[in-house]
Amino acid sequence: MQTINTTMLIAVAALLGSILLPGPAAAEPDEKPTAEVLFARQVQDRKPVDPGTTFSPGKLYCWTRLTSSESHYSISHHWLRNGRRVWQQPIQVRGKHWVTWSVFNVTPGSWTVRVTGDSGMLIESASFTVE
């Protein structure tokens, strides 16, 4: 019977852990980022085209411009219809001034998109109606 070297076993476990486990998550900013949130049917050249607050059913973009003292953190877009969350899109932010968007196929109702940090901190919220 062969004896297993404890040091070798620990080294293999550490190596497997570094391969299989994800790295540390991006830290949430020390200060709350500021955000501008707009809704539009299209985004061209990283800008919303004809933003509005009333739409017919179909594909809709939630465009967000973020400004922060940090350059690496995560946010989420929480899409709510009539007060109930129907979808969440996690987004990685990689700059102090960052533009991003998510898209969802909306149906009639009152909608809100909440932009939150990883801890659930509300950064911004905006609403629109689908008729």
N, C-alpha and C. Protein backbone atom coordinates (compact mmCIF):
# COMPACT_ATOMS: atom_id res chain seq x y z
N MET A 1 0.84 -1.17 0.00
CA MET A 1 0.00 0.00 0.00
C MET A 1 0.89 1.23 0.00
N GLN A 2 0.56 2.20 -0.85
CA GLN A 2 1.38 3.39 -0.99
C GLN A 2 0.89 4.48 -0.05
N THR A 3 1.81 5.18 0.60
CA THR A 3 1.48 6.26 1.52
C THR A 3 1.34 7.56 0.73
N ILE A 4 0.26 8.30 1.01
CA ILE A 4 0.02 9.58 0.34
C ILE A 4 0.73 10.67 1.12
N ASN A 5 1.52 11.45 0.44
CA ASN A 5 2.24 12.55 1.05
C ASN A 5 1.25 13.68 1.33
N THR A 6 1.09 14.09 2.59
CA THR A 6 0.14 15.12 2.99
C THR A 6 0.42 16.44 2.29
N THR A 7 1.66 16.83 2.18
CA THR A 7 2.01 18.09 1.53
C THR A 7 1.59 18.07 0.07
N MET A 8 1.81 16.92 -0.60
CA MET A 8 1.42 16.80 -2.00
C MET A 8 -0.10 16.86 -2.14
N LEU A 9 -0.83 16.24 -1.24
CA LEU A 9 -2.28 16.26 -1.26
C LEU A 9 -2.83 17.68 -1.09
N ILE A 10 -2.25 18.44 -0.17
CA ILE A 10 -2.66 19.83 0.04
C ILE A 10 -2.37 20.67 -1.20
N ALA A 11 -1.22 20.47 -1.83
CA ALA A 11 -0.85 21.22 -3.03
C ALA A 11 -1.82 20.93 -4.17
N VAL A 12 -2.19 19.66 -4.35
CA VAL A 12 -3.13 19.30 -5.41
C VAL A 12 -4.50 19.91 -5.14
N ALA A 13 -4.95 19.87 -3.88
CA ALA A 13 -6.24 20.46 -3.52
C ALA A 13 -6.24 21.96 -3.77
N ALA A 14 -5.15 22.65 -3.44
CA ALA A 14 -5.07 24.10 -3.68
C ALA A 14 -5.09 24.40 -5.17
N LEU A 15 -4.38 23.59 -5.95
CA LEU A 15 -4.37 23.80 -7.40
C LEU A 15 -5.76 23.59 -7.99
N LEU A 16 -6.42 22.52 -7.59
CA LEU A 16 -7.78 22.28 -8.09
C LEU A 16 -8.73 23.39 -7.66
N GLY A 17 -8.59 23.87 -6.45
CA GLY A 17 -9.45 24.96 -5.97
C GLY A 17 -9.26 26.22 -6.78
N SER A 18 -8.02 26.52 -7.16
CA SER A 18 -7.78 27.73 -7.95
C SER A 18 -8.29 27.60 -9.37
N ILE A 19 -8.38 26.37 -9.87
CA ILE A 19 -8.89 26.15 -11.22
C ILE A 19 -10.42 26.13 -11.23
N LEU A 20 -11.02 25.48 -10.24
CA LEU A 20 -12.46 25.25 -10.24
C LEU A 20 -13.27 26.38 -9.63
N LEU A 21 -12.67 27.14 -8.73
CA LEU A 21 -13.42 28.20 -8.04
C LEU A 21 -13.24 29.52 -8.77
N PRO A 22 -14.31 30.31 -8.88
CA PRO A 22 -14.18 31.61 -9.54
C PRO A 22 -13.33 32.56 -8.71
N GLY A 23 -12.73 33.51 -9.37
CA GLY A 23 -11.93 34.51 -8.68
C GLY A 23 -12.82 35.45 -7.88
N PRO A 24 -12.21 36.38 -7.14
CA PRO A 24 -13.01 37.30 -6.34
C PRO A 24 -13.88 38.18 -7.23
N ALA A 25 -15.07 38.47 -6.75
CA ALA A 25 -15.99 39.33 -7.49
C ALA A 25 -15.49 40.77 -7.45
N ALA A 26 -15.90 41.55 -8.42
CA ALA A 26 -15.55 42.96 -8.43
C ALA A 26 -16.16 43.63 -7.22
N ALA A 27 -15.38 44.46 -6.56
CA ALA A 27 -15.86 45.13 -5.35
C ALA A 27 -16.88 46.19 -5.71
N GLU A 28 -17.83 46.39 -4.81
CA GLU A 28 -18.82 47.45 -5.01
C GLU A 28 -18.14 48.78 -4.70
N PRO A 29 -18.46 49.83 -5.43
CA PRO A 29 -17.82 51.13 -5.19
C PRO A 29 -18.04 51.63 -3.77
N ASP A 30 -17.04 52.38 -3.25
CA ASP A 30 -17.17 52.99 -1.92
C ASP A 30 -18.31 53.99 -1.91
N GLU A 31 -18.43 54.77 -2.98
CA GLU A 31 -19.51 55.75 -3.11
C GLU A 31 -20.53 55.21 -4.11
N LYS A 32 -21.78 55.57 -3.90
CA LYS A 32 -22.83 55.16 -4.82
C LYS A 32 -22.59 55.80 -6.19
N PRO A 33 -22.54 54.99 -7.26
CA PRO A 33 -22.40 55.57 -8.60
C PRO A 33 -23.62 56.40 -8.94
N THR A 34 -23.46 57.33 -9.86
CA THR A 34 -24.61 58.05 -10.39
C THR A 34 -24.98 57.38 -11.71
N ALA A 35 -26.27 57.41 -12.02
CA ALA A 35 -26.72 56.73 -13.24
C ALA A 35 -27.81 57.54 -13.92
N GLU A 36 -27.77 57.52 -15.23
CA GLU A 36 -28.85 58.04 -16.06
C GLU A 36 -29.46 56.83 -16.75
N VAL A 37 -30.78 56.69 -16.71
CA VAL A 37 -31.46 55.53 -17.29
C VAL A 37 -32.50 56.03 -18.29
N LEU A 38 -32.43 55.51 -19.52
CA LEU A 38 -33.38 55.86 -20.58
C LEU A 38 -33.85 54.59 -21.27
N PHE A 39 -35.05 54.66 -21.86
CA PHE A 39 -35.62 53.52 -22.57
C PHE A 39 -35.81 53.89 -24.04
N ALA A 40 -35.49 52.93 -24.92
CA ALA A 40 -35.60 53.17 -26.36
C ALA A 40 -35.72 51.85 -27.10
N ARG A 41 -36.22 51.91 -28.31
CA ARG A 41 -36.35 50.73 -29.16
C ARG A 41 -35.01 50.30 -29.75
N GLN A 42 -34.07 51.24 -29.84
CA GLN A 42 -32.76 50.95 -30.43
C GLN A 42 -31.66 51.67 -29.68
N VAL A 43 -30.45 51.12 -29.78
CA VAL A 43 -29.24 51.80 -29.31
C VAL A 43 -28.29 51.81 -30.51
N GLN A 44 -27.85 53.02 -30.90
CA GLN A 44 -26.90 53.17 -32.00
C GLN A 44 -25.75 54.03 -31.52
N ASP A 45 -24.54 53.62 -31.88
CA ASP A 45 -23.33 54.35 -31.45
C ASP A 45 -23.34 54.58 -29.94
N ARG A 46 -23.81 53.57 -29.20
CA ARG A 46 -23.83 53.58 -27.73
C ARG A 46 -24.77 54.63 -27.15
N LYS A 47 -25.75 55.09 -27.96
CA LYS A 47 -26.73 56.07 -27.50
C LYS A 47 -28.14 55.57 -27.81
N PRO A 48 -29.11 55.87 -26.91
CA PRO A 48 -30.49 55.46 -27.19
C PRO A 48 -31.07 56.30 -28.32
N VAL A 49 -31.84 55.66 -29.20
CA VAL A 49 -32.48 56.34 -30.31
C VAL A 49 -33.93 56.65 -29.92
N ASP A 50 -34.30 57.93 -29.94
CA ASP A 50 -35.66 58.38 -29.60
C ASP A 50 -36.16 57.81 -28.27
N PRO A 51 -35.47 58.12 -27.17
CA PRO A 51 -35.92 57.60 -25.87
C PRO A 51 -37.31 58.12 -25.52
N GLY A 52 -38.03 57.34 -24.70
CA GLY A 52 -39.37 57.73 -24.31
C GLY A 52 -39.81 57.04 -23.04
N THR A 53 -41.10 57.22 -22.71
CA THR A 53 -41.67 56.60 -21.52
C THR A 53 -42.94 55.82 -21.81
N THR A 54 -43.42 55.86 -23.06
CA THR A 54 -44.60 55.08 -23.45
C THR A 54 -44.27 54.33 -24.74
N PHE A 55 -44.54 53.03 -24.73
CA PHE A 55 -44.17 52.18 -25.86
C PHE A 55 -45.27 51.17 -26.15
N SER A 56 -45.22 50.60 -27.35
CA SER A 56 -46.06 49.46 -27.68
C SER A 56 -45.27 48.20 -27.32
N PRO A 57 -45.93 47.03 -27.26
CA PRO A 57 -45.21 45.79 -26.91
C PRO A 57 -44.07 45.50 -27.90
N GLY A 58 -43.04 44.84 -27.40
CA GLY A 58 -41.90 44.45 -28.24
C GLY A 58 -40.59 44.65 -27.52
N LYS A 59 -39.52 44.52 -28.27
CA LYS A 59 -38.16 44.63 -27.73
C LYS A 59 -37.88 46.07 -27.29
N LEU A 60 -37.37 46.20 -26.06
CA LEU A 60 -37.07 47.53 -25.52
C LEU A 60 -35.72 47.49 -24.80
N TYR A 61 -34.94 48.54 -25.01
CA TYR A 61 -33.62 48.65 -24.37
C TYR A 61 -33.71 49.55 -23.13
N CYS A 62 -33.02 49.12 -22.08
CA CYS A 62 -32.79 49.98 -20.92
C CYS A 62 -31.33 50.40 -21.00
N TRP A 63 -31.11 51.64 -21.38
CA TRP A 63 -29.77 52.20 -21.57
C TRP A 63 -29.36 52.90 -20.28
N THR A 64 -28.13 52.67 -19.84
CA THR A 64 -27.66 53.24 -18.58
C THR A 64 -26.27 53.82 -18.74
N ARG A 65 -26.11 55.07 -18.29
CA ARG A 65 -24.79 55.71 -18.24
C ARG A 65 -24.42 55.83 -16.77
N LEU A 66 -23.27 55.25 -16.39
CA LEU A 66 -22.81 55.25 -15.00
C LEU A 66 -21.56 56.09 -14.84
N THR A 67 -21.48 56.78 -13.71
CA THR A 67 -20.29 57.52 -13.34
C THR A 67 -19.96 57.15 -11.91
N SER A 68 -18.69 56.79 -11.67
CA SER A 68 -18.28 56.33 -10.35
C SER A 68 -16.81 56.66 -10.12
N SER A 69 -16.41 56.65 -8.86
CA SER A 69 -15.00 56.82 -8.52
C SER A 69 -14.24 55.51 -8.75
N GLU A 70 -14.97 54.42 -8.87
CA GLU A 70 -14.38 53.09 -9.11
C GLU A 70 -14.50 52.73 -10.59
N SER A 71 -13.63 51.82 -11.05
CA SER A 71 -13.69 51.43 -12.45
C SER A 71 -14.02 49.96 -12.66
N HIS A 72 -14.13 49.17 -11.60
CA HIS A 72 -14.46 47.76 -11.73
C HIS A 72 -15.48 47.38 -10.66
N TYR A 73 -16.73 47.18 -11.08
CA TYR A 73 -17.77 46.73 -10.16
C TYR A 73 -18.90 46.13 -10.98
N SER A 74 -19.89 45.58 -10.30
CA SER A 74 -21.01 44.93 -10.96
C SER A 74 -22.32 45.64 -10.62
N ILE A 75 -23.22 45.65 -11.58
CA ILE A 75 -24.58 46.14 -11.36
C ILE A 75 -25.55 45.10 -11.90
N SER A 76 -26.82 45.31 -11.66
CA SER A 76 -27.85 44.49 -12.28
C SER A 76 -29.00 45.39 -12.70
N HIS A 77 -29.60 45.05 -13.82
CA HIS A 77 -30.86 45.65 -14.25
C HIS A 77 -31.96 44.69 -13.82
N HIS A 78 -32.88 45.15 -12.98
CA HIS A 78 -34.04 44.36 -12.54
C HIS A 78 -35.26 44.92 -13.27
N TRP A 79 -35.84 44.14 -14.17
CA TRP A 79 -37.01 44.54 -14.93
C TRP A 79 -38.25 44.09 -14.15
N LEU A 80 -39.11 45.03 -13.78
CA LEU A 80 -40.33 44.73 -13.03
C LEU A 80 -41.55 45.15 -13.85
N ARG A 81 -42.54 44.27 -13.92
CA ARG A 81 -43.80 44.57 -14.59
C ARG A 81 -44.90 44.54 -13.54
N ASN A 82 -45.61 45.66 -13.42
CA ASN A 82 -46.68 45.79 -12.41
C ASN A 82 -46.18 45.41 -11.02
N GLY A 83 -44.95 45.83 -10.70
CA GLY A 83 -44.38 45.63 -9.37
C GLY A 83 -43.72 44.28 -9.12
N ARG A 84 -43.76 43.37 -10.09
CA ARG A 84 -43.16 42.03 -9.91
C ARG A 84 -41.97 41.87 -10.83
N ARG A 85 -40.84 41.41 -10.26
CA ARG A 85 -39.64 41.23 -11.07
C ARG A 85 -39.85 40.08 -12.05
N VAL A 86 -39.58 40.36 -13.33
CA VAL A 86 -39.72 39.34 -14.36
C VAL A 86 -38.38 38.93 -14.95
N TRP A 87 -37.36 39.75 -14.74
CA TRP A 87 -36.06 39.42 -15.32
C TRP A 87 -34.97 40.25 -14.66
N GLN A 88 -33.77 39.67 -14.59
CA GLN A 88 -32.61 40.38 -14.03
C GLN A 88 -31.42 40.13 -14.94
N GLN A 89 -30.69 41.21 -15.26
CA GLN A 89 -29.49 41.10 -16.10
C GLN A 89 -28.28 41.62 -15.34
N PRO A 90 -27.35 40.74 -14.92
CA PRO A 90 -26.12 41.22 -14.30
C PRO A 90 -25.20 41.83 -15.36
N ILE A 91 -24.48 42.89 -14.97
CA ILE A 91 -23.61 43.61 -15.91
C ILE A 91 -22.31 43.96 -15.20
N GLN A 92 -21.18 43.73 -15.85
CA GLN A 92 -19.88 44.11 -15.33
C GLN A 92 -19.53 45.51 -15.83
N VAL A 93 -19.14 46.38 -14.92
CA VAL A 93 -18.73 47.75 -15.26
C VAL A 93 -17.21 47.78 -15.22
N ARG A 94 -16.61 48.33 -16.26
CA ARG A 94 -15.15 48.33 -16.39
C ARG A 94 -14.58 49.72 -16.68
N GLY A 95 -15.19 50.75 -16.11
CA GLY A 95 -14.67 52.09 -16.29
C GLY A 95 -15.38 53.07 -15.38
N LYS A 96 -14.73 54.18 -15.09
CA LYS A 96 -15.33 55.20 -14.23
C LYS A 96 -16.51 55.89 -14.90
N HIS A 97 -16.47 55.94 -16.22
CA HIS A 97 -17.58 56.46 -17.03
C HIS A 97 -17.95 55.33 -17.98
N TRP A 98 -19.12 54.73 -17.78
CA TRP A 98 -19.47 53.51 -18.49
C TRP A 98 -20.89 53.59 -19.03
N VAL A 99 -21.08 53.14 -20.26
CA VAL A 99 -22.41 53.06 -20.87
C VAL A 99 -22.70 51.59 -21.13
N THR A 100 -23.89 51.17 -20.74
CA THR A 100 -24.29 49.78 -20.94
C THR A 100 -25.80 49.73 -21.15
N TRP A 101 -26.33 48.56 -21.50
CA TRP A 101 -27.76 48.42 -21.66
C TRP A 101 -28.14 46.95 -21.55
N SER A 102 -29.41 46.73 -21.29
CA SER A 102 -30.00 45.40 -21.38
C SER A 102 -31.24 45.54 -22.24
N VAL A 103 -31.74 44.42 -22.72
CA VAL A 103 -32.91 44.45 -23.61
C VAL A 103 -33.88 43.36 -23.17
N PHE A 104 -35.17 43.69 -23.27
CA PHE A 104 -36.20 42.74 -22.86
C PHE A 104 -37.42 42.92 -23.75
N ASN A 105 -38.14 41.85 -23.99
CA ASN A 105 -39.36 41.88 -24.79
C ASN A 105 -40.52 42.23 -23.86
N VAL A 106 -40.99 43.48 -23.91
CA VAL A 106 -42.00 43.97 -22.96
C VAL A 106 -43.41 43.75 -23.47
N THR A 107 -44.33 43.59 -22.51
CA THR A 107 -45.76 43.39 -22.77
C THR A 107 -46.53 44.50 -22.07
N PRO A 108 -47.82 44.68 -22.36
CA PRO A 108 -48.57 45.77 -21.73
C PRO A 108 -48.50 45.74 -20.19
N GLY A 109 -48.39 46.94 -19.63
CA GLY A 109 -48.34 47.09 -18.18
C GLY A 109 -47.48 48.26 -17.77
N SER A 110 -47.36 48.44 -16.46
CA SER A 110 -46.48 49.47 -15.88
C SER A 110 -45.15 48.81 -15.56
N TRP A 111 -44.09 49.37 -16.08
CA TRP A 111 -42.76 48.78 -15.96
C TRP A 111 -41.81 49.71 -15.20
N THR A 112 -40.88 49.10 -14.48
CA THR A 112 -39.80 49.81 -13.80
C THR A 112 -38.53 48.99 -13.98
N VAL A 113 -37.42 49.65 -14.21
CA VAL A 113 -36.12 48.98 -14.17
C VAL A 113 -35.34 49.59 -13.02
N ARG A 114 -34.92 48.73 -12.10
CA ARG A 114 -34.11 49.13 -10.95
C ARG A 114 -32.67 48.76 -11.24
N VAL A 115 -31.77 49.73 -11.13
CA VAL A 115 -30.33 49.49 -11.30
C VAL A 115 -29.75 49.37 -9.90
N THR A 116 -29.19 48.19 -9.60
CA THR A 116 -28.66 47.96 -8.26
C THR A 116 -27.20 47.52 -8.31
N GLY A 117 -26.50 47.72 -7.20
CA GLY A 117 -25.16 47.18 -7.02
C GLY A 117 -25.25 45.75 -6.53
N ASP A 118 -24.11 45.10 -6.38
CA ASP A 118 -24.08 43.70 -5.94
C ASP A 118 -24.76 43.47 -4.60
N SER A 119 -24.65 44.42 -3.69
CA SER A 119 -25.24 44.23 -2.36
C SER A 119 -26.74 44.51 -2.35
N GLY A 120 -27.28 44.91 -3.50
CA GLY A 120 -28.69 45.27 -3.57
C GLY A 120 -28.93 46.76 -3.43
N MET A 121 -27.85 47.53 -3.23
CA MET A 121 -27.96 48.98 -3.11
C MET A 121 -28.61 49.55 -4.38
N LEU A 122 -29.69 50.33 -4.20
CA LEU A 122 -30.35 50.95 -5.34
C LEU A 122 -29.52 52.11 -5.84
N ILE A 123 -29.14 52.05 -7.11
CA ILE A 123 -28.37 53.13 -7.74
C ILE A 123 -29.33 54.09 -8.42
N GLU A 124 -30.29 53.57 -9.17
CA GLU A 124 -31.25 54.39 -9.88
C GLU A 124 -32.45 53.53 -10.27
N SER A 125 -33.55 54.18 -10.52
CA SER A 125 -34.77 53.50 -10.94
C SER A 125 -35.49 54.40 -11.94
N ALA A 126 -36.08 53.79 -12.96
CA ALA A 126 -36.82 54.55 -13.96
C ALA A 126 -38.00 53.70 -14.42
N SER A 127 -39.08 54.39 -14.83
CA SER A 127 -40.30 53.68 -15.20
C SER A 127 -40.78 54.06 -16.60
N PHE A 128 -41.59 53.18 -17.17
CA PHE A 128 -42.22 53.42 -18.47
C PHE A 128 -43.51 52.61 -18.53
N THR A 129 -44.31 52.88 -19.54
CA THR A 129 -45.60 52.19 -19.71
C THR A 129 -45.62 51.53 -21.09
N VAL A 130 -46.19 50.33 -21.13
CA VAL A 130 -46.41 49.65 -22.40
C VAL A 130 -47.93 49.53 -22.58
N GLU A 131 -48.43 50.10 -23.68
CA GLU A 131 -49.88 50.10 -23.94
C GLU A 131 -50.24 49.05 -24.98
